[in-house]
Amino acid sequence: MMGRTVGVAMLALVLAAPVATDGQSTDDIEAVRQAATDYLEGFYEGDEERLRRGVHPDVTKYGFFLSPGSDEYTGAAMSFEQMLDFARSVRESGTHPPPSAPREVSVGEVLDQTATAKVIAWWGSDYLHLAKYEGRWQIIHVLWQSPPR
């Protein structure tokens, strides 16, 4: 029975690992993770440079959020410039999230030119599409949702 439990646990770990297809290197997987982390920490810390490093200027970001007192989601877009403005306002105001705020980054599939990742933050879940531009992984699409009630 113990051997079966260990086998099931090992299978679960393998299935949960990032998927590299066509011989993608662990360097690519880590570069995708770094771009997603730069995105998350860029917002959390108000670090425009991290956003510039991890996010392509042509990014499209669209999200759905629940306004206070509402049960209906509202959708809104955010441009690259709006991302930088938000980071700047966080830095200038000094209003950083607490250390207990969620900071989860997971890498999905990594191919030779495109990849997926997910970020869980205080504002909700972000699903990221990344592409390799001149050898560097950057986020090009973001779809997000605030935490469900």
N, C-alpha and C. Protein backbone atom coordinates (compact mmCIF):
# COMPACT_ATOMS: atom_id res chain seq x y z
N MET A 1 0.83 -1.20 0.00
CA MET A 1 0.00 0.00 0.00
C MET A 1 0.87 1.26 0.00
N MET A 2 1.96 1.25 0.79
CA MET A 2 2.86 2.40 0.87
C MET A 2 3.50 2.68 -0.49
N GLY A 3 3.90 1.64 -1.21
CA GLY A 3 4.50 1.81 -2.53
C GLY A 3 3.54 2.45 -3.50
N ARG A 4 2.29 2.07 -3.43
CA ARG A 4 1.28 2.64 -4.32
C ARG A 4 1.07 4.13 -4.01
N THR A 5 1.05 4.48 -2.73
CA THR A 5 0.88 5.87 -2.33
C THR A 5 2.05 6.72 -2.84
N VAL A 6 3.25 6.20 -2.70
CA VAL A 6 4.44 6.92 -3.17
C VAL A 6 4.37 7.07 -4.69
N GLY A 7 3.95 6.02 -5.38
CA GLY A 7 3.83 6.07 -6.84
C GLY A 7 2.83 7.12 -7.29
N VAL A 8 1.69 7.18 -6.63
CA VAL A 8 0.67 8.17 -6.96
C VAL A 8 1.19 9.58 -6.68
N ALA A 9 1.88 9.76 -5.57
CA ALA A 9 2.45 11.07 -5.24
C ALA A 9 3.48 11.50 -6.27
N MET A 10 4.33 10.59 -6.71
CA MET A 10 5.34 10.92 -7.72
C MET A 10 4.68 11.28 -9.05
N LEU A 11 3.64 10.54 -9.43
CA LEU A 11 2.92 10.84 -10.66
C LEU A 11 2.30 12.24 -10.58
N ALA A 12 1.74 12.60 -9.44
CA ALA A 12 1.15 13.92 -9.27
C ALA A 12 2.21 15.01 -9.43
N LEU A 13 3.40 14.80 -8.89
CA LEU A 13 4.47 15.78 -9.03
C LEU A 13 4.89 15.95 -10.49
N VAL A 14 4.99 14.85 -11.20
CA VAL A 14 5.37 14.91 -12.61
C VAL A 14 4.32 15.65 -13.42
N LEU A 15 3.05 15.38 -13.16
CA LEU A 15 1.98 16.03 -13.90
C LEU A 15 1.86 17.51 -13.58
N ALA A 16 2.28 17.91 -12.39
CA ALA A 16 2.19 19.32 -11.98
C ALA A 16 3.37 20.15 -12.47
N ALA A 17 4.41 19.51 -12.97
CA ALA A 17 5.61 20.23 -13.41
C ALA A 17 5.35 20.97 -14.71
N PRO A 18 6.07 22.06 -14.96
CA PRO A 18 5.95 22.76 -16.24
C PRO A 18 6.26 21.81 -17.39
N VAL A 19 5.57 22.01 -18.50
CA VAL A 19 5.73 21.14 -19.65
C VAL A 19 6.63 21.83 -20.67
N ALA A 20 7.76 21.22 -20.96
CA ALA A 20 8.64 21.72 -22.02
C ALA A 20 8.52 20.76 -23.19
N THR A 21 8.17 21.28 -24.34
CA THR A 21 7.96 20.46 -25.51
C THR A 21 9.09 20.70 -26.50
N ASP A 22 9.38 19.68 -27.28
CA ASP A 22 10.41 19.77 -28.31
C ASP A 22 11.77 20.15 -27.72
N GLY A 23 12.07 19.60 -26.56
CA GLY A 23 13.39 19.78 -25.98
C GLY A 23 13.66 21.16 -25.42
N GLN A 24 12.63 21.90 -25.03
CA GLN A 24 12.86 23.21 -24.45
C GLN A 24 13.72 23.07 -23.19
N SER A 25 14.59 24.00 -23.02
CA SER A 25 15.53 23.93 -21.91
C SER A 25 14.91 24.44 -20.62
N THR A 26 15.54 24.05 -19.53
CA THR A 26 15.12 24.59 -18.24
C THR A 26 15.39 26.10 -18.20
N ASP A 27 16.34 26.57 -19.02
CA ASP A 27 16.60 28.01 -19.11
C ASP A 27 15.36 28.75 -19.61
N ASP A 28 14.69 28.17 -20.63
CA ASP A 28 13.46 28.80 -21.14
C ASP A 28 12.37 28.79 -20.08
N ILE A 29 12.22 27.68 -19.38
CA ILE A 29 11.20 27.58 -18.34
C ILE A 29 11.47 28.63 -17.26
N GLU A 30 12.70 28.75 -16.85
CA GLU A 30 13.04 29.74 -15.82
C GLU A 30 12.90 31.16 -16.33
N ALA A 31 13.17 31.39 -17.61
CA ALA A 31 13.00 32.74 -18.18
C ALA A 31 11.52 33.12 -18.23
N VAL A 32 10.65 32.15 -18.53
CA VAL A 32 9.20 32.40 -18.51
C VAL A 32 8.77 32.71 -17.07
N ARG A 33 9.26 31.91 -16.12
CA ARG A 33 8.94 32.15 -14.70
C ARG A 33 9.42 33.55 -14.28
N GLN A 34 10.59 33.95 -14.73
CA GLN A 34 11.13 35.26 -14.36
C GLN A 34 10.28 36.39 -14.94
N ALA A 35 9.83 36.25 -16.19
CA ALA A 35 8.98 37.28 -16.79
C ALA A 35 7.67 37.42 -16.01
N ALA A 36 7.07 36.29 -15.62
CA ALA A 36 5.83 36.33 -14.84
C ALA A 36 6.08 36.93 -13.46
N THR A 37 7.21 36.60 -12.86
CA THR A 37 7.56 37.16 -11.55
C THR A 37 7.82 38.66 -11.65
N ASP A 38 8.50 39.08 -12.71
CA ASP A 38 8.72 40.52 -12.92
C ASP A 38 7.40 41.26 -13.05
N TYR A 39 6.44 40.66 -13.73
CA TYR A 39 5.10 41.24 -13.88
C TYR A 39 4.46 41.40 -12.50
N LEU A 40 4.42 40.33 -11.73
CA LEU A 40 3.80 40.35 -10.40
C LEU A 40 4.49 41.36 -9.48
N GLU A 41 5.79 41.24 -9.36
CA GLU A 41 6.53 42.12 -8.44
C GLU A 41 6.58 43.56 -8.95
N GLY A 42 6.51 43.75 -10.27
CA GLY A 42 6.45 45.10 -10.81
C GLY A 42 5.23 45.84 -10.29
N PHE A 43 4.09 45.14 -10.24
CA PHE A 43 2.88 45.75 -9.69
C PHE A 43 2.97 45.87 -8.17
N TYR A 44 3.42 44.82 -7.50
CA TYR A 44 3.48 44.83 -6.03
C TYR A 44 4.43 45.89 -5.50
N GLU A 45 5.59 46.01 -6.12
CA GLU A 45 6.62 46.91 -5.59
C GLU A 45 6.65 48.27 -6.28
N GLY A 46 5.83 48.44 -7.32
CA GLY A 46 5.86 49.70 -8.05
C GLY A 46 7.14 49.85 -8.85
N ASP A 47 7.60 48.76 -9.43
CA ASP A 47 8.88 48.73 -10.13
C ASP A 47 8.65 48.72 -11.65
N GLU A 48 8.72 49.90 -12.24
CA GLU A 48 8.48 50.03 -13.69
C GLU A 48 9.49 49.24 -14.50
N GLU A 49 10.73 49.18 -14.03
CA GLU A 49 11.76 48.45 -14.78
C GLU A 49 11.43 46.96 -14.88
N ARG A 50 10.91 46.39 -13.81
CA ARG A 50 10.52 44.97 -13.87
C ARG A 50 9.38 44.77 -14.86
N LEU A 51 8.43 45.70 -14.89
CA LEU A 51 7.35 45.59 -15.88
C LEU A 51 7.91 45.71 -17.29
N ARG A 52 8.80 46.64 -17.51
CA ARG A 52 9.40 46.80 -18.84
C ARG A 52 10.16 45.55 -19.26
N ARG A 53 10.79 44.88 -18.32
CA ARG A 53 11.55 43.68 -18.61
C ARG A 53 10.64 42.49 -18.92
N GLY A 54 9.54 42.35 -18.18
CA GLY A 54 8.70 41.16 -18.31
C GLY A 54 7.51 41.28 -19.25
N VAL A 55 7.16 42.51 -19.62
CA VAL A 55 5.94 42.75 -20.41
C VAL A 55 6.30 43.44 -21.71
N HIS A 56 5.79 42.93 -22.81
CA HIS A 56 6.02 43.55 -24.12
C HIS A 56 5.18 44.83 -24.23
N PRO A 57 5.71 45.88 -24.84
CA PRO A 57 4.96 47.14 -24.96
C PRO A 57 3.64 47.02 -25.73
N ASP A 58 3.50 46.00 -26.56
CA ASP A 58 2.25 45.79 -27.31
C ASP A 58 1.26 44.90 -26.57
N VAL A 59 1.46 44.71 -25.28
CA VAL A 59 0.61 43.82 -24.49
C VAL A 59 -0.86 44.23 -24.58
N THR A 60 -1.73 43.24 -24.53
CA THR A 60 -3.16 43.49 -24.34
C THR A 60 -3.55 42.82 -23.03
N LYS A 61 -4.12 43.60 -22.13
CA LYS A 61 -4.55 43.08 -20.83
C LYS A 61 -6.02 43.41 -20.66
N TYR A 62 -6.79 42.40 -20.30
CA TYR A 62 -8.22 42.60 -20.07
C TYR A 62 -8.62 41.80 -18.85
N GLY A 63 -9.42 42.42 -17.99
CA GLY A 63 -9.81 41.73 -16.76
C GLY A 63 -11.25 41.94 -16.40
N PHE A 64 -11.72 41.05 -15.54
CA PHE A 64 -13.09 41.10 -15.02
C PHE A 64 -13.02 41.18 -13.50
N PHE A 65 -13.74 42.14 -12.92
CA PHE A 65 -13.70 42.32 -11.48
C PHE A 65 -15.10 42.58 -10.95
N LEU A 66 -15.28 42.23 -9.69
CA LEU A 66 -16.54 42.51 -8.98
C LEU A 66 -16.38 43.81 -8.22
N SER A 67 -17.22 44.76 -8.52
CA SER A 67 -17.20 46.02 -7.77
C SER A 67 -17.82 45.78 -6.40
N PRO A 68 -17.41 46.55 -5.39
CA PRO A 68 -18.01 46.38 -4.06
C PRO A 68 -19.53 46.51 -4.13
N GLY A 69 -20.22 45.56 -3.53
CA GLY A 69 -21.67 45.56 -3.49
C GLY A 69 -22.35 45.04 -4.74
N SER A 70 -21.58 44.60 -5.73
CA SER A 70 -22.16 44.12 -6.98
C SER A 70 -21.90 42.62 -7.14
N ASP A 71 -22.85 41.94 -7.77
CA ASP A 71 -22.68 40.53 -8.09
C ASP A 71 -22.36 40.32 -9.56
N GLU A 72 -22.22 41.41 -10.30
CA GLU A 72 -21.93 41.32 -11.72
C GLU A 72 -20.51 41.80 -12.00
N TYR A 73 -19.83 41.05 -12.86
CA TYR A 73 -18.47 41.42 -13.23
C TYR A 73 -18.47 42.59 -14.20
N THR A 74 -17.48 43.44 -14.04
CA THR A 74 -17.22 44.54 -14.96
C THR A 74 -15.91 44.23 -15.66
N GLY A 75 -15.84 44.49 -16.95
CA GLY A 75 -14.61 44.26 -17.69
C GLY A 75 -13.88 45.56 -17.95
N ALA A 76 -12.55 45.48 -17.97
CA ALA A 76 -11.75 46.67 -18.25
C ALA A 76 -10.42 46.27 -18.86
N ALA A 77 -9.96 47.11 -19.77
CA ALA A 77 -8.66 46.91 -20.41
C ALA A 77 -7.60 47.75 -19.69
N MET A 78 -6.35 47.34 -19.82
CA MET A 78 -5.23 48.10 -19.27
C MET A 78 -4.11 48.06 -20.30
N SER A 79 -3.63 49.23 -20.70
CA SER A 79 -2.53 49.31 -21.66
C SER A 79 -1.18 49.19 -20.94
N PHE A 80 -0.14 49.06 -21.72
CA PHE A 80 1.21 49.02 -21.17
C PHE A 80 1.51 50.31 -20.40
N GLU A 81 1.14 51.45 -20.98
CA GLU A 81 1.38 52.73 -20.31
C GLU A 81 0.60 52.83 -19.00
N GLN A 82 -0.61 52.29 -18.97
CA GLN A 82 -1.39 52.29 -17.73
C GLN A 82 -0.74 51.39 -16.68
N MET A 83 -0.13 50.30 -17.12
CA MET A 83 0.60 49.43 -16.18
C MET A 83 1.74 50.22 -15.53
N LEU A 84 2.49 50.92 -16.37
CA LEU A 84 3.62 51.70 -15.84
C LEU A 84 3.13 52.82 -14.93
N ASP A 85 2.02 53.47 -15.29
CA ASP A 85 1.45 54.52 -14.43
C ASP A 85 1.03 53.95 -13.08
N PHE A 86 0.42 52.76 -13.10
CA PHE A 86 0.00 52.13 -11.85
C PHE A 86 1.22 51.83 -10.98
N ALA A 87 2.26 51.26 -11.59
CA ALA A 87 3.48 50.96 -10.83
C ALA A 87 4.07 52.23 -10.24
N ARG A 88 4.09 53.28 -11.02
CA ARG A 88 4.62 54.56 -10.54
C ARG A 88 3.82 55.06 -9.34
N SER A 89 2.49 54.94 -9.40
CA SER A 89 1.66 55.42 -8.29
C SER A 89 1.87 54.57 -7.04
N VAL A 90 2.11 53.27 -7.21
CA VAL A 90 2.41 52.41 -6.05
C VAL A 90 3.72 52.85 -5.41
N ARG A 91 4.73 53.06 -6.25
CA ARG A 91 6.04 53.46 -5.74
C ARG A 91 5.96 54.81 -5.02
N GLU A 92 5.29 55.76 -5.65
CA GLU A 92 5.23 57.11 -5.07
C GLU A 92 4.40 57.16 -3.79
N SER A 93 3.35 56.35 -3.71
CA SER A 93 2.50 56.36 -2.52
C SER A 93 3.04 55.47 -1.41
N GLY A 94 3.91 54.53 -1.78
CA GLY A 94 4.44 53.59 -0.79
C GLY A 94 3.42 52.59 -0.29
N THR A 95 2.33 52.41 -1.01
CA THR A 95 1.28 51.48 -0.58
C THR A 95 1.50 50.11 -1.22
N HIS A 96 2.40 49.37 -0.64
CA HIS A 96 2.71 48.02 -1.12
C HIS A 96 1.82 47.01 -0.41
N PRO A 97 1.51 45.91 -1.09
CA PRO A 97 0.71 44.88 -0.41
C PRO A 97 1.49 44.29 0.76
N PRO A 98 0.79 43.74 1.74
CA PRO A 98 1.48 43.14 2.89
C PRO A 98 2.25 41.89 2.47
N PRO A 99 3.24 41.50 3.26
CA PRO A 99 4.01 40.28 2.94
C PRO A 99 3.13 39.03 2.82
N SER A 100 1.96 39.05 3.45
CA SER A 100 1.07 37.89 3.40
C SER A 100 0.25 37.83 2.11
N ALA A 101 0.32 38.86 1.25
CA ALA A 101 -0.44 38.87 0.00
C ALA A 101 0.01 37.71 -0.89
N PRO A 102 -0.91 37.09 -1.62
CA PRO A 102 -0.53 35.96 -2.49
C PRO A 102 0.51 36.39 -3.52
N ARG A 103 1.48 35.51 -3.75
CA ARG A 103 2.54 35.74 -4.74
C ARG A 103 2.85 34.42 -5.42
N GLU A 104 1.90 33.89 -6.16
CA GLU A 104 2.09 32.58 -6.79
C GLU A 104 2.34 32.75 -8.29
N VAL A 105 3.37 32.07 -8.77
CA VAL A 105 3.68 32.05 -10.19
C VAL A 105 3.82 30.59 -10.60
N SER A 106 3.07 30.18 -11.62
CA SER A 106 3.22 28.82 -12.14
C SER A 106 3.39 28.90 -13.66
N VAL A 107 4.26 28.06 -14.16
CA VAL A 107 4.54 28.00 -15.59
C VAL A 107 3.76 26.84 -16.17
N GLY A 108 3.08 27.09 -17.28
CA GLY A 108 2.34 26.04 -17.98
C GLY A 108 3.21 25.44 -19.07
N GLU A 109 2.73 25.47 -20.28
CA GLU A 109 3.46 24.90 -21.42
C GLU A 109 4.48 25.90 -21.95
N VAL A 110 5.66 25.39 -22.29
CA VAL A 110 6.71 26.21 -22.89
C VAL A 110 7.11 25.56 -24.20
N LEU A 111 6.88 26.26 -25.30
CA LEU A 111 7.31 25.81 -26.61
C LEU A 111 8.54 26.62 -27.01
N ASP A 112 8.95 26.55 -28.26
CA ASP A 112 10.15 27.28 -28.65
C ASP A 112 9.91 28.78 -28.85
N GLN A 113 8.65 29.19 -29.12
CA GLN A 113 8.35 30.60 -29.37
C GLN A 113 7.28 31.16 -28.44
N THR A 114 6.41 30.30 -27.90
CA THR A 114 5.31 30.75 -27.05
C THR A 114 5.25 29.94 -25.77
N ALA A 115 4.59 30.53 -24.77
CA ALA A 115 4.47 29.86 -23.47
C ALA A 115 3.25 30.40 -22.73
N THR A 116 2.86 29.68 -21.68
CA THR A 116 1.78 30.12 -20.81
C THR A 116 2.25 30.11 -19.37
N ALA A 117 1.64 30.98 -18.58
CA ALA A 117 1.93 31.03 -17.14
C ALA A 117 0.69 31.57 -16.44
N LYS A 118 0.67 31.42 -15.12
CA LYS A 118 -0.43 31.93 -14.31
C LYS A 118 0.15 32.61 -13.08
N VAL A 119 -0.46 33.73 -12.72
CA VAL A 119 -0.07 34.48 -11.53
C VAL A 119 -1.29 34.60 -10.64
N ILE A 120 -1.11 34.35 -9.35
CA ILE A 120 -2.16 34.62 -8.36
C ILE A 120 -1.64 35.72 -7.45
N ALA A 121 -2.40 36.81 -7.39
CA ALA A 121 -2.00 38.00 -6.64
C ALA A 121 -3.17 38.48 -5.80
N TRP A 122 -2.98 39.57 -5.07
CA TRP A 122 -4.07 40.08 -4.23
C TRP A 122 -5.29 40.46 -5.07
N TRP A 123 -5.09 40.86 -6.32
CA TRP A 123 -6.21 41.30 -7.15
C TRP A 123 -6.92 40.15 -7.85
N GLY A 124 -6.34 38.93 -7.85
CA GLY A 124 -7.00 37.80 -8.49
C GLY A 124 -6.03 36.91 -9.24
N SER A 125 -6.54 36.25 -10.27
CA SER A 125 -5.76 35.31 -11.08
C SER A 125 -5.55 35.89 -12.47
N ASP A 126 -4.30 35.87 -12.92
CA ASP A 126 -3.93 36.36 -14.24
C ASP A 126 -3.41 35.19 -15.07
N TYR A 127 -3.96 35.03 -16.26
CA TYR A 127 -3.52 34.00 -17.20
C TYR A 127 -2.68 34.71 -18.25
N LEU A 128 -1.44 34.29 -18.38
CA LEU A 128 -0.46 34.99 -19.20
C LEU A 128 -0.08 34.18 -20.44
N HIS A 129 0.00 34.85 -21.57
CA HIS A 129 0.59 34.29 -22.79
C HIS A 129 1.88 35.05 -23.02
N LEU A 130 2.93 34.32 -23.25
CA LEU A 130 4.24 34.92 -23.47
C LEU A 130 4.77 34.52 -24.84
N ALA A 131 5.65 35.35 -25.37
CA ALA A 131 6.33 35.05 -26.62
C ALA A 131 7.79 35.46 -26.46
N LYS A 132 8.63 34.82 -27.27
CA LYS A 132 10.05 35.13 -27.22
C LYS A 132 10.34 36.21 -28.27
N TYR A 133 10.81 37.36 -27.81
CA TYR A 133 11.16 38.48 -28.67
C TYR A 133 12.66 38.71 -28.60
N GLU A 134 13.33 38.53 -29.73
CA GLU A 134 14.78 38.72 -29.79
C GLU A 134 15.48 37.97 -28.66
N GLY A 135 15.03 36.73 -28.43
CA GLY A 135 15.66 35.87 -27.43
C GLY A 135 15.18 36.08 -26.00
N ARG A 136 14.25 37.00 -25.78
CA ARG A 136 13.78 37.31 -24.42
C ARG A 136 12.28 37.03 -24.30
N TRP A 137 11.90 36.32 -23.23
CA TRP A 137 10.50 36.00 -22.99
C TRP A 137 9.79 37.22 -22.40
N GLN A 138 8.64 37.58 -23.01
CA GLN A 138 7.84 38.70 -22.51
C GLN A 138 6.36 38.36 -22.62
N ILE A 139 5.58 38.95 -21.74
CA ILE A 139 4.13 38.75 -21.73
C ILE A 139 3.52 39.61 -22.83
N ILE A 140 2.65 38.99 -23.64
CA ILE A 140 1.99 39.71 -24.72
C ILE A 140 0.48 39.77 -24.53
N HIS A 141 -0.10 38.82 -23.76
CA HIS A 141 -1.55 38.83 -23.47
C HIS A 141 -1.76 38.49 -22.00
N VAL A 142 -2.71 39.18 -21.39
CA VAL A 142 -3.11 38.88 -20.01
C VAL A 142 -4.63 38.88 -19.96
N LEU A 143 -5.20 37.82 -19.40
CA LEU A 143 -6.62 37.76 -19.09
C LEU A 143 -6.72 37.48 -17.61
N TRP A 144 -7.46 38.32 -16.88
CA TRP A 144 -7.50 38.15 -15.42
C TRP A 144 -8.92 38.29 -14.89
N GLN A 145 -9.06 37.82 -13.65
CA GLN A 145 -10.33 37.92 -12.93
C GLN A 145 -10.04 38.14 -11.46
N SER A 146 -10.86 38.99 -10.84
CA SER A 146 -10.75 39.18 -9.39
C SER A 146 -11.21 37.90 -8.70
N PRO A 147 -10.86 37.72 -7.42
CA PRO A 147 -11.31 36.51 -6.72
C PRO A 147 -12.83 36.43 -6.72
N PRO A 148 -13.38 35.25 -6.98
CA PRO A 148 -14.84 35.11 -6.93
C PRO A 148 -15.34 35.30 -5.50
N ARG A 149 -16.57 35.75 -5.37
CA ARG A 149 -17.14 35.90 -4.02
C ARG A 149 -17.56 34.57 -3.48
